[in-house]
Protein backbone atom coordinates (compact mmCIF):
# COMPACT_ATOMS: atom_id res chain seq x y z
CA MET A 1 236.90 -82.42 153.44
CA ASP A 2 234.06 -81.10 155.53
CA LYS A 3 233.40 -77.40 156.07
CA THR A 4 234.89 -77.42 159.56
CA ARG A 5 238.25 -78.61 158.23
CA LYS A 6 238.14 -76.11 155.37
CA LEU A 7 237.42 -73.25 157.75
CA THR A 8 240.15 -74.47 160.11
CA LEU A 9 242.73 -74.60 157.31
CA THR A 10 241.63 -71.16 156.08
CA SER A 11 241.85 -69.74 159.60
CA LEU A 12 245.30 -71.23 160.12
CA ILE A 13 246.60 -69.70 156.89
CA ILE A 14 245.00 -66.35 157.79
CA ALA A 15 246.61 -66.42 161.25
CA ILE A 16 250.07 -67.24 159.92
CA THR A 17 249.75 -64.56 157.23
CA THR A 18 248.58 -61.92 159.69
CA ILE A 19 251.29 -62.69 162.25
CA SER A 20 254.03 -62.64 159.60
CA SER A 21 252.83 -59.23 158.35
CA HIS A 22 254.62 -57.67 161.33
CA LEU A 23 257.89 -59.20 160.20
CA ILE A 24 257.92 -59.33 156.40
CA PHE A 25 256.84 -56.24 154.47
CA ILE A 26 258.48 -53.69 152.22
CA PRO A 27 257.30 -50.07 152.42
CA VAL A 28 256.97 -48.54 148.96
CA GLY A 29 255.58 -45.02 149.11
CA PHE A 30 252.02 -45.19 150.45
CA ALA A 31 251.82 -48.98 150.01
CA LYS A 32 253.33 -51.78 152.05
CA ILE A 33 254.01 -54.74 149.82
CA PHE A 34 253.68 -58.10 151.49
CA PRO A 35 254.73 -61.23 149.53
CA ILE A 36 253.30 -63.60 152.15
CA GLN A 37 249.78 -62.38 151.24
CA HIS A 38 250.28 -63.68 147.72
CA PHE A 39 251.75 -66.91 149.06
CA ALA A 40 248.55 -67.40 151.11
CA ASN A 41 246.34 -66.44 148.14
CA VAL A 42 247.83 -69.16 145.95
CA LEU A 43 247.69 -71.78 148.72
CA LEU A 44 244.02 -71.04 149.42
CA ALA A 45 243.18 -70.83 145.72
CA VAL A 46 244.67 -74.24 144.95
CA LEU A 47 243.73 -76.09 148.12
CA LEU A 48 240.26 -74.70 148.84
CA GLY A 49 238.97 -72.70 145.89
CA PRO A 50 237.79 -69.18 145.11
CA TRP A 51 235.44 -68.46 148.02
CA TYR A 52 237.99 -69.38 150.65
CA ALA A 53 240.81 -67.58 148.81
CA VAL A 54 238.82 -64.34 148.43
CA ALA A 55 237.54 -64.52 152.02
CA GLY A 56 241.09 -65.14 153.26
CA ALA A 57 242.41 -62.17 151.27
CA LEU A 58 239.69 -59.87 152.62
CA ILE A 59 240.19 -60.99 156.22
CA VAL A 60 243.98 -60.69 156.11
CA SER A 61 243.77 -57.25 154.47
CA THR A 62 241.32 -56.10 157.14
CA LEU A 63 243.42 -57.48 160.00
CA ARG A 64 246.59 -55.92 158.58
CA ASN A 65 244.86 -52.55 158.34
CA LEU A 66 243.51 -52.81 161.88
CA LEU A 67 246.95 -53.78 163.21
CA GLY A 68 248.74 -51.02 161.29
CA THR A 69 250.81 -53.33 159.09
CA GLY A 70 248.82 -52.83 155.91
CA SER A 71 247.35 -50.09 153.79
CA ILE A 72 244.07 -49.54 151.98
CA PHE A 73 245.85 -50.70 148.82
CA ALA A 74 245.91 -54.26 150.19
CA TYR A 75 242.26 -54.83 149.29
CA PRO A 76 242.16 -54.53 145.50
CA GLY A 77 245.43 -56.32 144.92
CA SER A 78 244.90 -59.26 147.22
CA VAL A 79 241.26 -59.91 146.35
CA ILE A 80 241.69 -59.68 142.58
CA GLY A 81 244.82 -61.83 142.75
CA ALA A 82 243.16 -64.50 144.89
CA LEU A 83 240.13 -64.62 142.60
CA LEU A 84 242.16 -64.89 139.39
CA ALA A 85 244.51 -67.50 140.86
CA SER A 86 241.47 -69.59 141.86
CA ILE A 87 239.72 -69.24 138.52
CA PHE A 88 242.85 -69.99 136.49
CA TYR A 89 243.58 -73.06 138.61
CA MET A 90 240.00 -74.34 138.48
CA LYS A 91 239.85 -74.03 134.70
CA THR A 92 243.25 -75.61 133.96
CA LYS A 93 244.07 -77.74 137.04
CA LYS A 94 247.70 -76.58 136.69
CA LEU A 95 249.70 -74.89 139.43
CA GLY A 96 251.47 -72.67 136.93
CA PHE A 97 248.20 -71.02 136.04
CA ALA A 98 247.43 -70.28 139.69
CA PHE A 99 250.82 -68.54 139.82
CA VAL A 100 250.06 -66.57 136.64
CA GLY A 101 246.58 -65.66 137.90
CA GLU A 102 247.99 -64.23 141.13
CA VAL A 103 250.65 -62.20 139.33
CA ILE A 104 248.25 -60.81 136.72
CA GLY A 105 245.46 -60.26 139.25
CA THR A 106 247.58 -58.46 141.81
CA GLY A 107 250.53 -57.19 139.80
CA ILE A 108 248.59 -55.64 136.95
CA LEU A 109 244.85 -55.48 137.64
CA GLY A 110 245.19 -54.86 141.38
CA ALA A 111 247.79 -52.16 140.80
CA ILE A 112 245.52 -50.44 138.29
CA ALA A 113 242.58 -50.72 140.72
CA THR A 114 244.56 -48.91 143.42
CA TYR A 115 245.07 -45.82 141.27
CA PRO A 116 241.59 -44.29 141.83
CA ILE A 117 241.81 -45.06 145.55
CA GLY A 118 245.13 -43.22 145.77
CA VAL A 119 243.77 -40.21 143.91
CA LEU A 120 240.62 -40.06 146.06
CA LEU A 121 242.32 -40.56 149.41
CA PHE A 122 245.51 -38.63 148.91
CA GLY A 123 244.32 -36.05 146.39
CA LYS A 124 247.45 -36.49 144.34
CA GLU A 125 247.91 -37.54 140.80
CA LEU A 126 249.66 -40.81 141.44
CA THR A 127 251.11 -42.65 138.53
CA VAL A 128 249.54 -46.03 137.98
CA PHE A 129 252.87 -47.31 136.73
CA GLY A 130 254.37 -46.62 140.14
CA PHE A 131 252.16 -49.32 141.65
CA VAL A 132 252.63 -51.93 138.93
CA PRO A 133 256.34 -52.71 139.55
CA ALA A 134 255.88 -52.87 143.34
CA PHE A 135 252.79 -55.07 143.12
CA MET A 136 254.40 -57.25 140.43
CA PHE A 137 257.49 -57.83 142.57
CA SER A 138 255.42 -58.68 145.63
CA SER A 139 252.97 -60.97 143.86
CA PHE A 140 255.66 -62.71 141.81
CA THR A 141 257.75 -63.45 144.92
CA GLY A 142 254.85 -64.72 147.03
CA ALA A 143 253.25 -66.75 144.24
CA LEU A 144 256.60 -68.31 143.37
CA LEU A 145 257.07 -69.41 147.00
CA ALA A 146 253.60 -70.98 147.04
CA PHE A 147 254.19 -72.64 143.67
CA GLY A 148 257.42 -74.18 144.96
CA LEU A 149 255.84 -75.38 148.21
CA LEU A 150 252.83 -76.90 146.45
CA LYS A 151 255.07 -78.63 143.88
CA VAL A 152 257.17 -80.19 146.66
CA MET A 153 254.05 -81.20 148.58
CA MET A 154 252.54 -82.82 145.48
CA LYS A 155 255.75 -84.61 144.57
CA ASN A 156 256.08 -86.05 148.07
CA LYS A 157 252.36 -86.81 148.25
CA VAL A 158 251.99 -84.70 151.38
CA ILE A 159 248.63 -83.31 150.33
CA GLY A 160 247.49 -86.63 148.90
CA GLY A 161 243.83 -86.56 147.93
CA LEU A 162 243.30 -83.02 149.13
CA LEU A 163 243.50 -81.62 145.61
CA ASP A 164 241.18 -84.29 144.21
CA GLU A 165 238.63 -83.49 146.87
CA ASN A 166 238.74 -79.71 146.68
CA SER A 167 238.67 -76.68 144.44
CA ALA A 168 239.60 -77.87 140.98
CA TYR A 169 237.70 -81.12 141.10
CA ASN A 170 234.71 -80.35 143.26
CA SER A 171 232.05 -78.13 141.72
CA ARG A 172 230.18 -77.73 145.04
CA ILE A 173 232.73 -75.20 146.34
């Protein structure tokens, strides 16, 4: 797949994710959890690789913040989750590991990374364990949806050679 098609697919996933952020989010304290972000992270991680997944996570987080449907906490969770999902998938070539990478990256590491931001911005001693359950729920739900969609697409050969051509099998990405 040439770069134009990769950028087009990335842009399409970013657009769908950003538009759906107005419809599907769960406010939890200062954070707004958004399972569709994690869905997009896993799709981009598996289909296009780490650079596209991380760029997609950063762009969606920025757009959500600009449009008022996100919070500053979107950055650490989504970026770390996208990166880990990509790395786990590239190393193992198994969808299950992309799922696990997203949940660990966002649900645990991303939640822990938001703690200092919360303390600095809000000046309150926030409990790190308050973020972990919310981020785990969000990342688990979104990653599970992506896992299911990708499994169905692979079984029905909808994505055909796309996986062979991209992230896990192509070291140029």
